[in-house]
C-alpha cells in the first residue's frame, strides 16, 4: 500500500469488505498496511467514482462520504484518515514502512507477529500481493509482497487472514483458483474464500472456528456490494500455480 493510492476505487471496495467482515463476524481485526514509499507513479488515480455518488454511494454511504471528503474536498491521500475515522470500530493498525533488506524485514515481521496477538483477523495490504519467486524476501521491491513465511506464522498464531492480491498477466479465473489452492495447502486448510473485483483480488483464509461466521459474512458482501465483488469458495485440489510470474502494478 502507498499513501498516494488512498481513496481510489480499490480502497473503497477494500474498506467496504473489511467493514462488512468486521461487523458481521464481530472479530477483532488488525490492519497491516504494508506501506511502501510513494514513488510518483500514476497509480491511484482511480478516484472518478467519487464524482458519481448516485452510482457508488449506496454501497457504503458512511465510507463513501469519508473518502470523498478526504480525497475530493481536502486533497488528503493518507491511511491515517481511516485510523481516525472510526469506520473500523475495534480495529488495530500496524503502521510503518516495509523494508526490502532481509534483517530489517525479519524484524518487521517479528513486530507484526507480536502485534497480531489478541486479534482474530489480520488484513495484509501489500502493494502487489503474495510473494513470488522472482522477488524473494530481501531483494529490491520485495517489500511489495507479503511472504509465505509471514502468512504461516500469523495463521499459526491463531488469526484468520485476509490478503490483498493484484492480478498478473494471466487468465484471472485460473490464477484465482490456483493461488487460493496454494494458500489452502500452505496453511493446511480446506477452503479459501475469494473476493474478485474488476481490478484486484482478496483472499480470505479462515481459522476453522471462524468458518461459519465468515461464510455468512461473504454472503452479506455479495448482496450488499452486488456487482462489485464476485464471491467464491475455492476447495483444495490439484491445480498448480506458476509463482514465477510476478503481479504487476499496485493497489
Protein backbone atom coordinates (compact mmCIF):
# COMPACT_ATOMS: atom_id res chain seq x y z
CA UNK A 1 0.00 0.00 0.00
CA UNK A 2 1.16 3.53 -0.80
CA UNK A 3 -0.48 6.61 0.69
CA UNK A 4 -0.91 8.17 -2.73
CA UNK A 5 -3.29 5.32 -3.63
CA UNK A 6 -5.51 6.15 -0.69
CA UNK A 7 -9.17 6.63 -1.53
CA UNK A 8 -9.15 5.12 -5.01
CA UNK A 9 -11.89 2.71 -6.03
CA UNK A 10 -9.85 -0.29 -4.83
CA UNK A 11 -9.70 1.32 -1.39
CA UNK A 12 -13.45 1.90 -1.36
CA UNK A 13 -14.06 -1.78 -2.03
CA UNK A 14 -11.28 -2.84 0.34
CA UNK A 15 -12.55 -0.91 3.35
CA UNK A 16 -16.12 -1.83 2.47
CA UNK A 17 -15.15 -5.50 2.54
CA UNK A 18 -13.38 -5.08 5.88
CA UNK A 19 -16.34 -3.23 7.37
CA UNK A 20 -18.79 -5.99 6.48
CA UNK A 21 -16.44 -8.72 7.67
CA UNK A 22 -15.83 -6.96 10.99
CA UNK A 23 -19.49 -6.08 11.57
CA UNK A 24 -20.94 -9.45 10.57
CA UNK A 25 -18.40 -11.61 12.40
CA UNK A 26 -17.64 -9.43 15.42
CA UNK A 27 -13.98 -10.42 15.06
CA UNK A 28 -11.23 -8.07 16.21
CA UNK A 29 -9.16 -7.00 13.21
CA UNK A 30 -5.54 -5.94 12.81
CA UNK A 31 -4.92 -3.91 9.64
CA UNK A 32 -1.33 -4.28 8.44
CA UNK A 33 -0.95 -1.53 5.84
CA UNK A 34 2.39 -2.87 4.49
CA UNK A 35 3.25 0.69 3.44
CA UNK A 36 5.94 1.42 0.87
CA UNK A 37 7.20 4.89 -0.09
CA UNK A 38 5.24 6.94 -2.63
CA UNK A 39 7.05 6.78 -5.95
CA UNK A 40 5.31 9.32 -8.17
CA UNK A 41 3.78 6.69 -10.44
CA UNK A 42 0.32 7.42 -11.86
CA UNK A 43 -1.30 4.51 -9.98
CA UNK A 44 -4.03 5.56 -7.59
CA UNK A 45 -5.83 7.85 -9.98
CA UNK A 46 -8.96 5.70 -9.94
CA UNK A 47 -10.94 8.26 -7.98
CA UNK A 48 -13.55 9.23 -10.57
CA UNK A 49 -16.11 7.13 -8.73
CA UNK A 50 -16.16 9.82 -6.02
CA UNK A 51 -17.74 12.23 -8.53
CA UNK A 52 -20.65 9.83 -9.10
CA UNK A 53 -22.40 9.42 -5.73
CA UNK A 54 -25.64 8.32 -7.38
CA UNK A 55 -23.85 5.22 -8.65
CA UNK A 56 -21.39 4.48 -5.86
CA UNK A 57 -22.53 5.93 -2.53
CA UNK A 58 -25.25 3.37 -1.78
CA UNK A 59 -22.77 0.52 -1.26
CA UNK A 60 -21.50 2.14 1.94
CA UNK A 61 -22.65 5.77 2.47
CA UNK A 62 -20.51 6.48 5.56
CA UNK A 63 -17.36 5.13 3.93
CA UNK A 64 -18.05 6.92 0.64
CA UNK A 65 -18.62 10.26 2.37
CA UNK A 66 -15.41 9.89 4.39
CA UNK A 67 -13.29 9.10 1.35
CA UNK A 68 -14.91 11.82 -0.74
CA UNK A 69 -14.35 14.45 1.96
CA UNK A 70 -10.70 13.44 2.32
CA UNK A 71 -9.73 12.93 -1.32
CA UNK A 72 -12.01 15.19 -3.36
CA UNK A 73 -12.58 18.02 -0.90
CA UNK A 74 -9.39 18.23 1.18
CA UNK A 75 -6.96 16.52 -1.18
CA UNK A 76 -5.71 14.13 1.52
CA UNK A 77 -4.26 10.78 0.47
CA UNK A 78 -3.23 9.12 3.73
CA UNK A 79 -4.30 5.94 5.52
CA UNK A 80 -4.47 7.91 8.77
CA UNK A 81 -7.88 9.08 7.55
CA UNK A 82 -9.20 5.56 8.18
CA UNK A 83 -7.42 5.28 11.52
CA UNK A 84 -9.09 8.44 12.85
CA UNK A 85 -12.47 7.93 11.16
CA UNK A 86 -13.89 5.24 13.43
CA UNK A 87 -15.08 3.35 10.35
CA UNK A 88 -13.40 0.16 11.58
CA UNK A 89 -14.51 0.09 15.24
CA UNK A 90 -12.37 -2.13 17.43
CA UNK A 91 -9.66 -2.49 14.80
CA UNK A 92 -5.96 -2.01 15.45
CA UNK A 93 -3.47 -0.75 12.89
CA UNK A 94 0.11 -1.80 12.20
CA UNK A 95 1.91 1.21 10.68
CA UNK A 96 5.40 1.77 9.30
CA UNK A 97 7.23 1.31 6.03
CA UNK A 98 8.03 -2.27 4.96
CA UNK A 99 11.80 -2.62 4.33
CA UNK A 100 13.45 -4.51 1.46
CA UNK A 101 16.59 -5.61 3.34
CA UNK A 102 16.36 -9.05 4.93
CA UNK A 103 17.47 -8.21 8.52
CA UNK A 104 15.09 -5.24 8.70
CA UNK A 105 12.28 -7.26 7.09
CA UNK A 106 12.77 -10.04 9.62
CA UNK A 107 12.47 -7.51 12.43
CA UNK A 108 9.36 -6.00 10.81
CA UNK A 109 7.82 -9.49 10.54
CA UNK A 110 8.55 -10.22 14.19
CA UNK A 111 6.89 -6.98 15.25
CA UNK A 112 3.83 -7.75 13.10
CA UNK A 113 3.53 -11.22 14.62
CA UNK A 114 3.69 -9.75 18.12
CA UNK A 115 1.06 -7.13 17.21
CA UNK A 116 -1.29 -9.85 15.94
CA UNK A 117 -1.69 -11.41 19.38
CA UNK A 118 -5.24 -10.91 20.61
CA UNK A 119 -6.66 -10.34 17.12
CA UNK A 120 -8.95 -12.73 15.26
CA UNK A 121 -8.39 -11.40 11.74
CA UNK A 122 -5.27 -9.90 10.16
CA UNK A 123 -5.65 -7.94 6.92
CA UNK A 124 -2.43 -7.75 4.89
CA UNK A 125 -2.32 -4.97 2.30
CA UNK A 126 0.87 -5.29 0.22
CA UNK A 127 1.42 -3.33 -3.00
CA UNK A 128 1.28 -6.44 -5.17
CA UNK A 129 0.23 -9.48 -3.16
CA UNK A 130 1.77 -12.77 -2.07
CA UNK A 131 5.49 -13.46 -2.52
CA UNK A 132 6.70 -14.80 -5.89
CA UNK A 133 9.98 -16.49 -6.80
CA UNK A 134 11.20 -13.55 -8.84
CA UNK A 135 11.10 -11.28 -5.76
CA UNK A 136 12.44 -13.27 -2.79
CA UNK A 137 12.36 -11.51 0.54
CA UNK A 138 15.49 -9.42 0.92
CA UNK A 139 15.76 -8.31 -2.70
CA UNK A 140 14.77 -4.95 -4.19
CA UNK A 141 11.00 -4.41 -4.23
CA UNK A 142 10.34 -7.49 -2.08
CA UNK A 143 8.61 -5.06 0.28
CA UNK A 144 5.71 -5.05 -2.19
CA UNK A 145 4.84 -8.62 -1.22
CA UNK A 146 3.76 -10.47 1.90
CA UNK A 147 5.89 -13.60 2.20
CA UNK A 148 4.67 -17.13 2.73
CA UNK A 149 6.61 -17.38 5.99
CA UNK A 150 4.71 -14.39 7.38
CA UNK A 151 1.36 -15.87 6.38
CA UNK A 152 2.23 -19.19 8.02
CA UNK A 153 3.38 -17.54 11.25
CA UNK A 154 0.30 -15.33 11.55
CA UNK A 155 -2.05 -18.24 10.86
CA UNK A 156 -0.25 -20.47 13.36
CA UNK A 157 -0.75 -17.74 15.97
CA UNK A 158 -4.50 -18.24 15.51
CA UNK A 159 -5.59 -15.39 13.23
CA UNK A 160 -7.69 -15.73 10.12
CA UNK A 161 -6.10 -13.90 7.18
CA UNK A 162 -7.39 -11.53 4.52
CA UNK A 163 -4.83 -10.77 1.79
CA UNK A 164 -4.82 -8.18 -0.98
CA UNK A 165 -3.62 -9.52 -4.34
CA UNK A 166 -3.05 -7.78 -7.67
CA UNK A 167 -3.76 -9.76 -10.84
CA UNK A 168 -0.84 -10.86 -13.02
CA UNK A 169 -0.95 -11.06 -16.79
CA UNK A 170 -2.71 -14.41 -17.00
CA UNK A 171 -6.34 -15.61 -17.05
CA UNK A 172 -7.88 -14.35 -13.85
CA UNK A 173 -10.16 -17.27 -13.04
CA UNK A 174 -7.29 -19.72 -13.44
CA UNK A 175 -4.98 -17.55 -11.35
CA UNK A 176 -7.56 -17.09 -8.59
CA UNK A 177 -8.24 -20.81 -8.29
CA UNK A 178 -4.57 -21.74 -8.36
CA UNK A 179 -3.45 -19.15 -5.80
CA UNK A 180 -6.34 -19.99 -3.47
CA UNK A 181 -5.44 -23.66 -3.73
CA UNK A 182 -1.80 -22.97 -2.93
CA UNK A 183 -2.78 -20.81 0.04
CA UNK A 184 -5.04 -23.55 1.38
CA UNK A 185 -2.22 -26.10 1.08
CA UNK A 186 0.30 -23.72 2.65
CA UNK A 187 -1.91 -23.11 5.70
CA UNK A 188 -3.31 -26.63 5.92
CA UNK A 189 -6.95 -25.61 5.47
CA UNK A 190 -9.65 -27.00 3.20
CA UNK A 191 -11.06 -23.87 1.62
CA UNK A 192 -10.28 -20.24 0.87
CA UNK A 193 -12.97 -17.63 0.22
CA UNK A 194 -12.17 -15.31 -2.69
CA UNK A 195 -13.48 -11.82 -3.45
CA UNK A 196 -12.76 -10.89 -7.05
CA UNK A 197 -13.23 -7.36 -8.37
CA UNK A 198 -12.62 -5.76 -11.74
CA UNK A 199 -9.21 -4.58 -10.53
CA UNK A 200 -7.93 -6.76 -7.70
CA UNK A 201 -8.46 -9.94 -5.68
CA UNK A 202 -8.87 -10.58 -1.96
CA UNK A 203 -8.25 -13.99 -0.41
CA UNK A 204 -9.77 -14.91 2.96
CA UNK A 205 -8.24 -17.85 4.83
CA UNK A 206 -10.43 -18.60 7.86
CA UNK A 207 -9.50 -20.42 11.01
CA UNK A 208 -11.87 -23.37 11.50
CA UNK A 209 -13.59 -21.60 14.40
CA UNK A 210 -14.35 -18.63 12.14
CA UNK A 211 -15.55 -20.52 9.05
CA UNK A 212 -19.30 -20.32 9.67
CA UNK A 213 -19.28 -16.62 10.53
CA UNK A 214 -17.09 -15.77 7.56
CA UNK A 215 -19.21 -17.70 5.07
CA UNK A 216 -22.24 -15.81 6.36
CA UNK A 217 -20.36 -12.51 6.04
CA UNK A 218 -19.31 -13.44 2.49
CA UNK A 219 -22.97 -13.85 1.58
CA UNK A 220 -23.70 -10.40 3.02
CA UNK A 221 -20.86 -8.90 1.00
CA UNK A 222 -22.14 -10.46 -2.21
CA UNK A 223 -25.58 -8.99 -1.51
CA UNK A 224 -24.56 -5.56 -0.18
CA UNK A 225 -21.87 -4.99 -2.82
CA UNK A 226 -23.69 -6.68 -5.68
CA UNK A 227 -21.82 -6.15 -8.94
CA UNK A 228 -18.59 -5.10 -7.20
CA UNK A 229 -17.44 -8.41 -5.72
CA UNK A 230 -17.62 -11.87 -7.20
CA UNK A 231 -17.51 -14.13 -4.17
CA UNK A 232 -16.25 -17.67 -4.47
CA UNK A 233 -15.07 -20.55 -2.31
CA UNK A 234 -12.09 -22.47 -3.63
CA UNK A 235 -11.58 -26.01 -2.38
CA UNK A 236 -8.23 -27.77 -2.23
CA UNK A 237 -7.47 -29.54 -5.50
CA UNK A 238 -4.52 -30.47 -7.68
CA UNK A 239 -4.26 -27.17 -9.54
CA UNK A 240 -0.75 -25.71 -9.52
CA UNK A 241 0.35 -22.10 -9.87
CA UNK A 242 3.44 -20.84 -11.67
CA UNK A 243 4.60 -18.46 -8.96
CA UNK A 244 7.50 -17.26 -11.09
CA UNK A 245 5.05 -14.79 -12.67
CA UNK A 246 5.05 -11.59 -10.63
CA UNK A 247 1.92 -9.47 -10.30
CA UNK A 248 2.14 -6.09 -11.96
CA UNK A 249 1.02 -2.62 -10.83
CA UNK A 250 -0.04 -1.80 -7.28
CA UNK A 251 -3.11 -1.24 -5.12
